[in-house]
Amino acid sequence: MGKTSAEVKERYNKKAYEDIRLRVKKGQKEKIQARADELQKSINGYIVDLIEEDLGEK
């Protein structure tokens, strides 16, 4: 039986990406989500963009 699309994506993601856990104070997630929505980004995309900008990679 062949691999499902989800299995293939999961295998690629494990090879290409690393996870970082982020904790924020209660209420902050909603503020972050609202700002990401304003910018038409996911929370992950928003945070990654901020980090890359800070590191001078953007």
C-alpha atoms as a PDB file:
ATOM      1  CA  MET A   1       0.000   0.000   0.000  1.00  0.00           C
ATOM      2  CA  GLY A   2       1.290   3.488  -0.882  1.00  0.00           C
ATOM      3  CA  LYS A   3       1.893   6.395   1.424  1.00  0.00           C
ATOM      4  CA  THR A   4      -0.959   8.799   2.008  1.00  0.00           C
ATOM      5  CA  SER A   5      -0.528  12.468   1.271  1.00  0.00           C
ATOM      6  CA  ALA A   6      -0.547  13.258   5.003  1.00  0.00           C
ATOM      7  CA  GLU A   7       2.220  10.729   5.662  1.00  0.00           C
ATOM      8  CA  VAL A   8       4.365  12.169   2.885  1.00  0.00           C
ATOM      9  CA  LYS A   9       3.874  15.725   4.178  1.00  0.00           C
ATOM     10  CA  GLU A  10       4.664  14.667   7.732  1.00  0.00           C
ATOM     11  CA  ARG A  11       7.864  12.933   6.638  1.00  0.00           C
ATOM     12  CA  TYR A  12       8.939  16.015   4.652  1.00  0.00           C
ATOM     13  CA  ASN A  13       8.126  18.368   7.526  1.00  0.00           C
ATOM     14  CA  LYS A  14      10.189  16.286   9.958  1.00  0.00           C
ATOM     15  CA  LYS A  15      13.135  16.461   7.553  1.00  0.00           C
ATOM     16  CA  ALA A  16      12.815  20.153   6.622  1.00  0.00           C
ATOM     17  CA  TYR A  17      11.607  21.893   9.793  1.00  0.00           C
ATOM     18  CA  GLU A  18      12.258  22.094  13.512  1.00  0.00           C
ATOM     19  CA  ASP A  19       9.651  22.791  16.175  1.00  0.00           C
ATOM     20  CA  ILE A  20       9.934  25.535  18.773  1.00  0.00           C
ATOM     21  CA  ARG A  21       7.398  25.692  21.562  1.00  0.00           C
ATOM     22  CA  LEU A  22       6.242  29.184  22.463  1.00  0.00           C
ATOM     23  CA  ARG A  23       4.340  30.137  25.589  1.00  0.00           C
ATOM     24  CA  VAL A  24       2.580  33.465  26.003  1.00  0.00           C
ATOM     25  CA  LYS A  25       0.565  34.967  28.834  1.00  0.00           C
ATOM     26  CA  LYS A  26      -3.192  34.460  28.890  1.00  0.00           C
ATOM     27  CA  GLY A  27      -4.856  36.781  26.394  1.00  0.00           C
ATOM     28  CA  GLN A  28      -1.731  37.282  24.274  1.00  0.00           C
ATOM     29  CA  LYS A  29      -2.599  34.522  21.812  1.00  0.00           C
ATOM     30  CA  GLU A  30      -5.787  36.322  20.804  1.00  0.00           C
ATOM     31  CA  LYS A  31      -3.848  39.572  20.245  1.00  0.00           C
ATOM     32  CA  ILE A  32      -1.217  37.755  18.188  1.00  0.00           C
ATOM     33  CA  GLN A  33      -3.904  35.976  16.152  1.00  0.00           C
ATOM     34  CA  ALA A  34      -5.708  39.263  15.484  1.00  0.00           C
ATOM     35  CA  ARG A  35      -2.509  40.923  14.226  1.00  0.00           C
ATOM     36  CA  ALA A  36      -1.633  37.910  12.074  1.00  0.00           C
ATOM     37  CA  ASP A  37      -5.142  38.024  10.614  1.00  0.00           C
ATOM     38  CA  GLU A  38      -4.716  41.744   9.820  1.00  0.00           C
ATOM     39  CA  LEU A  39      -1.560  40.865   7.903  1.00  0.00           C
ATOM     40  CA  GLN A  40      -3.261  37.865   6.253  1.00  0.00           C
ATOM     41  CA  LYS A  41      -0.752  35.463   7.797  1.00  0.00           C
ATOM     42  CA  SER A  42      -0.889  32.461  10.080  1.00  0.00           C
ATOM     43  CA  ILE A  43       0.411  32.897  13.602  1.00  0.00           C
ATOM     44  CA  ASN A  44       3.424  30.785  12.616  1.00  0.00           C
ATOM     45  CA  GLY A  45       4.085  32.860   9.505  1.00  0.00           C
ATOM     46  CA  TYR A  46       3.772  36.091  11.466  1.00  0.00           C
ATOM     47  CA  ILE A  47       6.215  34.973  14.159  1.00  0.00           C
ATOM     48  CA  VAL A  48       8.701  33.525  11.652  1.00  0.00           C
ATOM     49  CA  ASP A  49       8.612  36.799   9.674  1.00  0.00           C
ATOM     50  CA  LEU A  50       9.313  38.808  12.853  1.00  0.00           C
ATOM     51  CA  ILE A  51      12.250  36.563  13.749  1.00  0.00           C
ATOM     52  CA  GLU A  52      13.709  36.675  10.235  1.00  0.00           C
ATOM     53  CA  GLU A  53      13.403  40.472  10.187  1.00  0.00           C
ATOM     54  CA  ASP A  54      15.141  40.728  13.571  1.00  0.00           C
ATOM     55  CA  LEU A  55      17.935  38.462  12.364  1.00  0.00           C
ATOM     56  CA  GLY A  56      18.335  40.503   9.200  1.00  0.00           C
ATOM     57  CA  GLU A  57      17.232  37.633   6.995  1.00  0.00           C
ATOM     58  CA  LYS A  58      14.417  39.549   5.320  1.00  0.00           C
END
